[in-house]
N, C-alpha and C. Protein backbone atom coordinates (compact mmCIF):
# COMPACT_ATOMS: atom_id res chain seq x y z
N MET A 1 8.01 13.48 16.08
CA MET A 1 7.27 13.63 14.86
C MET A 1 6.66 12.28 14.44
N PHE A 2 6.55 12.08 13.13
CA PHE A 2 5.88 10.90 12.62
C PHE A 2 6.75 10.14 11.62
N GLU A 3 6.46 8.87 11.49
CA GLU A 3 7.05 8.02 10.45
C GLU A 3 5.94 7.66 9.48
N ARG A 4 6.30 7.44 8.24
CA ARG A 4 5.32 6.99 7.26
C ARG A 4 5.35 5.47 7.19
N CYS A 5 4.19 4.87 7.21
CA CYS A 5 4.05 3.42 7.12
C CYS A 5 2.93 3.10 6.14
N VAL A 6 2.95 1.90 5.62
CA VAL A 6 1.85 1.45 4.78
C VAL A 6 0.82 0.80 5.69
N GLY A 7 -0.40 1.27 5.61
CA GLY A 7 -1.49 0.70 6.40
C GLY A 7 -2.40 -0.11 5.49
N LEU A 8 -2.75 -1.32 5.90
CA LEU A 8 -3.66 -2.17 5.14
C LEU A 8 -4.94 -2.38 5.94
N ALA A 9 -6.04 -2.38 5.24
CA ALA A 9 -7.34 -2.71 5.85
C ALA A 9 -8.01 -3.71 4.93
N TRP A 10 -8.57 -4.76 5.51
CA TRP A 10 -9.23 -5.76 4.67
C TRP A 10 -10.55 -6.18 5.27
N CYS A 11 -11.42 -6.65 4.39
CA CYS A 11 -12.73 -7.14 4.78
C CYS A 11 -12.74 -8.65 4.60
N LEU A 12 -12.89 -9.38 5.70
CA LEU A 12 -12.90 -10.84 5.60
C LEU A 12 -14.10 -11.35 4.81
N GLY A 13 -15.22 -10.66 4.89
CA GLY A 13 -16.42 -11.10 4.20
C GLY A 13 -16.31 -11.01 2.69
N CYS A 14 -15.87 -9.88 2.18
CA CYS A 14 -15.82 -9.70 0.72
C CYS A 14 -14.42 -9.93 0.16
N ARG A 15 -13.42 -10.14 1.05
CA ARG A 15 -12.05 -10.43 0.64
C ARG A 15 -11.46 -9.31 -0.22
N ILE A 16 -11.76 -8.08 0.14
CA ILE A 16 -11.21 -6.91 -0.54
C ILE A 16 -10.37 -6.14 0.48
N TYR A 17 -9.21 -5.67 0.05
CA TYR A 17 -8.39 -4.86 0.95
C TYR A 17 -7.91 -3.60 0.24
N THR A 18 -7.56 -2.65 1.04
CA THR A 18 -7.03 -1.39 0.53
C THR A 18 -5.76 -1.05 1.30
N GLY A 19 -4.92 -0.30 0.69
CA GLY A 19 -3.69 0.14 1.34
C GLY A 19 -3.56 1.65 1.22
N ALA A 20 -2.90 2.24 2.19
CA ALA A 20 -2.70 3.69 2.18
C ALA A 20 -1.45 4.02 2.98
N MET A 21 -0.87 5.16 2.68
CA MET A 21 0.25 5.65 3.47
C MET A 21 -0.34 6.29 4.73
N VAL A 22 0.15 5.90 5.89
CA VAL A 22 -0.34 6.44 7.16
C VAL A 22 0.84 7.02 7.94
N HIS A 23 0.54 7.92 8.84
CA HIS A 23 1.57 8.51 9.71
C HIS A 23 1.41 7.94 11.11
N VAL A 24 2.50 7.45 11.65
CA VAL A 24 2.52 6.84 12.98
C VAL A 24 3.52 7.61 13.83
N PRO A 25 3.15 7.97 15.07
CA PRO A 25 4.11 8.66 15.94
C PRO A 25 5.39 7.82 16.10
N ARG A 26 6.53 8.46 16.06
CA ARG A 26 7.82 7.74 16.13
C ARG A 26 7.97 6.92 17.40
N LYS A 27 7.37 7.35 18.49
CA LYS A 27 7.52 6.63 19.75
C LYS A 27 6.57 5.45 19.88
N ARG A 28 5.64 5.31 18.97
CA ARG A 28 4.69 4.20 19.04
C ARG A 28 5.38 2.91 18.59
N VAL A 29 5.26 1.86 19.39
CA VAL A 29 5.85 0.57 19.05
C VAL A 29 4.84 -0.23 18.23
N LEU A 30 5.25 -0.63 17.04
CA LEU A 30 4.39 -1.42 16.18
C LEU A 30 4.68 -2.90 16.41
N VAL A 31 3.63 -3.69 16.50
CA VAL A 31 3.77 -5.13 16.73
C VAL A 31 4.04 -5.83 15.41
N ASP A 32 5.04 -6.68 15.38
CA ASP A 32 5.35 -7.47 14.19
C ASP A 32 4.57 -8.79 14.29
N ALA A 33 3.53 -8.91 13.49
CA ALA A 33 2.67 -10.09 13.54
C ALA A 33 3.38 -11.36 13.07
N LEU A 34 4.52 -11.21 12.43
CA LEU A 34 5.26 -12.37 11.92
C LEU A 34 6.48 -12.72 12.77
N ALA A 35 6.72 -11.97 13.83
CA ALA A 35 7.95 -12.13 14.62
C ALA A 35 8.11 -13.52 15.22
N SER A 36 7.02 -14.17 15.57
CA SER A 36 7.13 -15.48 16.22
C SER A 36 7.29 -16.63 15.24
N LEU A 37 7.21 -16.35 13.95
CA LEU A 37 7.30 -17.40 12.94
C LEU A 37 8.75 -17.74 12.61
N PRO A 38 8.99 -18.97 12.20
CA PRO A 38 10.34 -19.32 11.74
C PRO A 38 10.70 -18.49 10.50
N ARG A 39 11.97 -18.26 10.31
CA ARG A 39 12.45 -17.41 9.22
C ARG A 39 11.92 -17.85 7.85
N ASP A 40 11.96 -19.14 7.56
CA ASP A 40 11.51 -19.60 6.24
C ASP A 40 10.02 -19.32 6.01
N GLN A 41 9.21 -19.42 7.05
CA GLN A 41 7.79 -19.13 6.90
C GLN A 41 7.55 -17.63 6.70
N ARG A 42 8.29 -16.79 7.42
CA ARG A 42 8.19 -15.34 7.22
C ARG A 42 8.56 -14.97 5.79
N GLU A 43 9.63 -15.57 5.29
CA GLU A 43 10.07 -15.27 3.92
C GLU A 43 9.04 -15.73 2.90
N ARG A 44 8.44 -16.89 3.12
CA ARG A 44 7.41 -17.40 2.20
C ARG A 44 6.21 -16.46 2.17
N LEU A 45 5.77 -16.03 3.35
CA LEU A 45 4.64 -15.10 3.41
C LEU A 45 4.99 -13.76 2.76
N GLY A 46 6.24 -13.35 2.88
CA GLY A 46 6.67 -12.10 2.28
C GLY A 46 6.69 -12.12 0.75
N ARG A 47 6.75 -13.31 0.19
CA ARG A 47 6.76 -13.44 -1.27
C ARG A 47 5.37 -13.55 -1.88
N SER A 48 4.35 -13.74 -1.04
CA SER A 48 2.99 -13.93 -1.56
C SER A 48 2.02 -13.01 -0.83
N GLU A 49 1.57 -12.00 -1.52
CA GLU A 49 0.63 -11.04 -0.93
C GLU A 49 -0.65 -11.74 -0.48
N VAL A 50 -1.15 -12.67 -1.28
CA VAL A 50 -2.38 -13.38 -0.95
C VAL A 50 -2.20 -14.20 0.32
N GLU A 51 -1.11 -14.97 0.39
CA GLU A 51 -0.87 -15.80 1.58
C GLU A 51 -0.65 -14.94 2.82
N LEU A 52 0.03 -13.82 2.67
CA LEU A 52 0.26 -12.93 3.81
C LEU A 52 -1.06 -12.41 4.37
N ILE A 53 -1.92 -11.93 3.51
CA ILE A 53 -3.20 -11.38 3.96
C ILE A 53 -4.07 -12.47 4.57
N GLU A 54 -4.08 -13.66 3.97
CA GLU A 54 -4.86 -14.76 4.55
C GLU A 54 -4.33 -15.15 5.92
N PHE A 55 -3.00 -15.17 6.07
CA PHE A 55 -2.39 -15.49 7.37
C PHE A 55 -2.81 -14.45 8.41
N LEU A 56 -2.70 -13.17 8.06
CA LEU A 56 -3.08 -12.11 9.01
C LEU A 56 -4.56 -12.16 9.34
N ALA A 57 -5.39 -12.47 8.38
CA ALA A 57 -6.82 -12.57 8.61
C ALA A 57 -7.13 -13.70 9.60
N ARG A 58 -6.43 -14.80 9.48
CA ARG A 58 -6.66 -15.93 10.41
C ARG A 58 -6.23 -15.57 11.83
N GLN A 59 -5.23 -14.70 11.97
CA GLN A 59 -4.77 -14.30 13.30
C GLN A 59 -5.81 -13.44 14.02
N ARG A 60 -6.61 -12.71 13.27
CA ARG A 60 -7.59 -11.80 13.84
C ARG A 60 -8.94 -12.46 14.10
N SER A 61 -9.15 -13.65 13.59
CA SER A 61 -10.47 -14.28 13.76
C SER A 61 -10.50 -15.21 14.95
């Protein structure tokens, strides 16, 4: 079946993002974009929505 996850989409040009509940197949492996970061940096990004989105945007560019 499916799991519910929060999906985010953002526009780098206008700096606007939206979030929605999405369904992902249970067998699909989701990549953790923060897995390679040190624990303290992951925690810092987790406390700031703006910093998290900016970090993720830099990873995609």
